[in-house]
Amino acid sequence: MFHRQETLAKTITFGITHMAVAFGVVYLMTGSLALGGAVALIEPLANTVAYFFHEKIWQRVGEKSEPEAVPAGG
């Protein structure tokens, strides 16, 4: 089971990685630092927010799939 701090840490590191990849791809395609920077800020930011909620949904799915505890003795 994930904890809130772990989910937040994963979201932040995912965002940083995504921004670096987005910048690199756009810069290699266009040669523009400005365009690479703009895309690296806008698209990954939106995607990072979506990822956070994606993780929260999967946490709930995991909680629902865990078997319920059976009381001792019956």
N, C-alpha and C. Protein backbone atom coordinates (compact mmCIF):
# COMPACT_ATOMS: atom_id res chain seq x y z
N MET A 1 0.85 -1.17 0.00
CA MET A 1 0.00 0.00 0.00
C MET A 1 0.90 1.25 0.00
N PHE A 2 0.52 2.23 -0.77
CA PHE A 2 1.27 3.47 -0.86
C PHE A 2 0.84 4.43 0.24
N HIS A 3 1.77 5.24 0.63
CA HIS A 3 1.47 6.28 1.60
C HIS A 3 1.49 7.63 0.89
N ARG A 4 0.87 8.60 1.49
CA ARG A 4 0.75 9.93 0.87
C ARG A 4 2.11 10.51 0.51
N GLN A 5 3.10 10.43 1.39
CA GLN A 5 4.43 10.99 1.12
C GLN A 5 5.10 10.28 -0.05
N GLU A 6 4.93 8.97 -0.11
CA GLU A 6 5.52 8.21 -1.22
C GLU A 6 4.86 8.60 -2.54
N THR A 7 3.55 8.74 -2.53
CA THR A 7 2.83 9.15 -3.74
C THR A 7 3.29 10.53 -4.19
N LEU A 8 3.45 11.45 -3.25
CA LEU A 8 3.89 12.79 -3.59
C LEU A 8 5.33 12.77 -4.13
N ALA A 9 6.20 12.00 -3.51
CA ALA A 9 7.59 11.89 -3.98
C ALA A 9 7.65 11.30 -5.39
N LYS A 10 6.86 10.27 -5.63
CA LYS A 10 6.82 9.67 -6.97
C LYS A 10 6.29 10.66 -7.99
N THR A 11 5.29 11.44 -7.61
CA THR A 11 4.72 12.44 -8.51
C THR A 11 5.76 13.50 -8.87
N ILE A 12 6.51 13.96 -7.89
CA ILE A 12 7.51 15.00 -8.14
C ILE A 12 8.63 14.47 -9.02
N THR A 13 9.16 13.29 -8.72
CA THR A 13 10.24 12.75 -9.54
C THR A 13 9.77 12.41 -10.95
N PHE A 14 8.52 11.95 -11.07
CA PHE A 14 7.95 11.71 -12.39
C PHE A 14 7.86 13.02 -13.17
N GLY A 15 7.43 14.08 -12.51
CA GLY A 15 7.32 15.38 -13.17
C GLY A 15 8.66 15.89 -13.67
N ILE A 16 9.69 15.78 -12.85
CA ILE A 16 11.03 16.22 -13.24
C ILE A 16 11.53 15.42 -14.44
N THR A 17 11.38 14.11 -14.37
CA THR A 17 11.80 13.26 -15.48
C THR A 17 11.04 13.60 -16.75
N HIS A 18 9.75 13.77 -16.63
CA HIS A 18 8.91 14.07 -17.78
C HIS A 18 9.31 15.41 -18.41
N MET A 19 9.58 16.41 -17.58
CA MET A 19 10.00 17.71 -18.10
C MET A 19 11.31 17.61 -18.87
N ALA A 20 12.26 16.85 -18.34
CA ALA A 20 13.54 16.69 -19.01
C ALA A 20 13.37 16.00 -20.37
N VAL A 21 12.56 14.97 -20.40
CA VAL A 21 12.32 14.25 -21.66
C VAL A 21 11.60 15.15 -22.66
N ALA A 22 10.56 15.86 -22.20
CA ALA A 22 9.82 16.75 -23.10
C ALA A 22 10.73 17.82 -23.67
N PHE A 23 11.55 18.42 -22.83
CA PHE A 23 12.47 19.44 -23.32
C PHE A 23 13.42 18.86 -24.35
N GLY A 24 14.02 17.72 -24.03
CA GLY A 24 14.98 17.10 -24.95
C GLY A 24 14.38 16.77 -26.30
N VAL A 25 13.19 16.19 -26.30
CA VAL A 25 12.54 15.81 -27.55
C VAL A 25 12.22 17.04 -28.40
N VAL A 26 11.61 18.05 -27.78
CA VAL A 26 11.22 19.24 -28.54
C VAL A 26 12.45 20.00 -29.01
N TYR A 27 13.47 20.09 -28.17
CA TYR A 27 14.69 20.78 -28.58
C TYR A 27 15.36 20.07 -29.75
N LEU A 28 15.43 18.75 -29.69
CA LEU A 28 16.03 17.99 -30.80
C LEU A 28 15.22 18.12 -32.09
N MET A 29 13.91 18.22 -31.95
CA MET A 29 13.05 18.33 -33.14
C MET A 29 13.08 19.74 -33.74
N THR A 30 13.23 20.77 -32.90
CA THR A 30 13.09 22.14 -33.39
C THR A 30 14.36 22.97 -33.29
N GLY A 31 15.27 22.60 -32.40
CA GLY A 31 16.46 23.40 -32.16
C GLY A 31 16.17 24.67 -31.37
N SER A 32 14.97 24.79 -30.86
CA SER A 32 14.56 26.01 -30.14
C SER A 32 14.55 25.77 -28.64
N LEU A 33 15.38 26.55 -27.93
CA LEU A 33 15.38 26.47 -26.47
C LEU A 33 14.06 27.00 -25.91
N ALA A 34 13.54 28.06 -26.52
CA ALA A 34 12.29 28.67 -26.03
C ALA A 34 11.12 27.70 -26.18
N LEU A 35 10.99 27.10 -27.34
CA LEU A 35 9.90 26.16 -27.56
C LEU A 35 10.07 24.91 -26.69
N GLY A 36 11.30 24.42 -26.59
CA GLY A 36 11.57 23.27 -25.72
C GLY A 36 11.21 23.57 -24.28
N GLY A 37 11.58 24.77 -23.82
CA GLY A 37 11.26 25.17 -22.46
C GLY A 37 9.77 25.32 -22.21
N ALA A 38 9.07 25.91 -23.18
CA ALA A 38 7.63 26.09 -23.03
C ALA A 38 6.91 24.75 -22.96
N VAL A 39 7.25 23.87 -23.88
CA VAL A 39 6.61 22.55 -23.89
C VAL A 39 6.99 21.78 -22.63
N ALA A 40 8.24 21.90 -22.19
CA ALA A 40 8.71 21.18 -21.00
C ALA A 40 8.00 21.64 -19.74
N LEU A 41 7.45 22.84 -19.74
CA LEU A 41 6.73 23.32 -18.56
C LEU A 41 5.24 23.00 -18.62
N ILE A 42 4.64 23.19 -19.76
CA ILE A 42 3.19 23.08 -19.86
C ILE A 42 2.71 21.63 -19.89
N GLU A 43 3.17 20.86 -20.85
CA GLU A 43 2.65 19.50 -21.02
C GLU A 43 2.98 18.60 -19.84
N PRO A 44 4.22 18.55 -19.36
CA PRO A 44 4.51 17.69 -18.21
C PRO A 44 3.78 18.12 -16.93
N LEU A 45 3.56 19.39 -16.75
CA LEU A 45 2.83 19.85 -15.57
C LEU A 45 1.42 19.27 -15.57
N ALA A 46 0.75 19.38 -16.71
CA ALA A 46 -0.59 18.81 -16.83
C ALA A 46 -0.55 17.29 -16.65
N ASN A 47 0.43 16.64 -17.23
CA ASN A 47 0.56 15.20 -17.12
C ASN A 47 0.88 14.76 -15.69
N THR A 48 1.67 15.54 -14.98
CA THR A 48 2.03 15.21 -13.60
C THR A 48 0.80 15.27 -12.69
N VAL A 49 -0.04 16.26 -12.90
CA VAL A 49 -1.28 16.35 -12.12
C VAL A 49 -2.16 15.13 -12.42
N ALA A 50 -2.25 14.76 -13.69
CA ALA A 50 -3.03 13.58 -14.07
C ALA A 50 -2.45 12.32 -13.44
N TYR A 51 -1.11 12.22 -13.39
CA TYR A 51 -0.45 11.05 -12.79
C TYR A 51 -0.79 10.93 -11.31
N PHE A 52 -0.82 12.05 -10.60
CA PHE A 52 -1.14 12.03 -9.17
C PHE A 52 -2.51 11.39 -8.95
N PHE A 53 -3.49 11.83 -9.74
CA PHE A 53 -4.83 11.27 -9.59
C PHE A 53 -4.89 9.82 -10.07
N HIS A 54 -4.10 9.48 -11.08
CA HIS A 54 -3.99 8.10 -11.54
C HIS A 54 -3.52 7.20 -10.41
N GLU A 55 -2.50 7.64 -9.68
CA GLU A 55 -1.98 6.87 -8.55
C GLU A 55 -3.04 6.72 -7.46
N LYS A 56 -3.79 7.79 -7.18
CA LYS A 56 -4.84 7.73 -6.16
C LYS A 56 -5.91 6.71 -6.53
N ILE A 57 -6.28 6.68 -7.81
CA ILE A 57 -7.28 5.71 -8.28
C ILE A 57 -6.76 4.29 -8.09
N TRP A 58 -5.50 4.05 -8.44
CA TRP A 58 -4.94 2.70 -8.29
C TRP A 58 -4.82 2.31 -6.82
N GLN A 59 -4.59 3.28 -5.94
CA GLN A 59 -4.57 2.97 -4.51
C GLN A 59 -5.93 2.46 -4.07
N ARG A 60 -6.98 3.11 -4.53
CA ARG A 60 -8.33 2.68 -4.16
C ARG A 60 -8.65 1.31 -4.74
N VAL A 61 -8.21 1.05 -5.96
CA VAL A 61 -8.41 -0.27 -6.57
C VAL A 61 -7.71 -1.32 -5.72
N GLY A 62 -6.49 -1.02 -5.29
CA GLY A 62 -5.74 -1.96 -4.45
C GLY A 62 -6.41 -2.21 -3.12
N GLU A 63 -6.96 -1.17 -2.52
CA GLU A 63 -7.65 -1.32 -1.24
C GLU A 63 -8.89 -2.18 -1.38
N LYS A 64 -9.61 -2.04 -2.49
CA LYS A 64 -10.83 -2.83 -2.71
C LYS A 64 -10.51 -4.28 -2.99
N SER A 65 -9.33 -4.56 -3.55
CA SER A 65 -9.00 -5.94 -3.90
C SER A 65 -8.37 -6.71 -2.75
N GLU A 66 -8.01 -6.02 -1.66
CA GLU A 66 -7.45 -6.70 -0.50
C GLU A 66 -8.56 -7.44 0.23
N PRO A 67 -8.29 -8.69 0.62
CA PRO A 67 -9.32 -9.43 1.35
C PRO A 67 -9.59 -8.78 2.70
N GLU A 68 -10.86 -8.83 3.10
CA GLU A 68 -11.22 -8.28 4.40
C GLU A 68 -10.78 -9.22 5.50
N ALA A 69 -10.38 -8.65 6.61
CA ALA A 69 -9.96 -9.45 7.74
C ALA A 69 -11.16 -10.19 8.34
N VAL A 70 -10.95 -11.46 8.66
CA VAL A 70 -12.00 -12.25 9.28
C VAL A 70 -11.74 -12.26 10.78
N PRO A 71 -12.72 -11.89 11.58
CA PRO A 71 -12.52 -11.89 13.04
C PRO A 71 -12.13 -13.28 13.55
N ALA A 72 -11.25 -13.31 14.54
CA ALA A 72 -10.82 -14.58 15.12
C ALA A 72 -12.02 -15.29 15.77
N GLY A 73 -12.10 -16.55 15.54
CA GLY A 73 -13.15 -17.35 16.17
C GLY A 73 -14.48 -17.31 15.42
N GLY A 74 -14.45 -16.80 14.19
CA GLY A 74 -15.71 -16.94 13.51
C GLY A 74 -16.09 -15.84 12.68
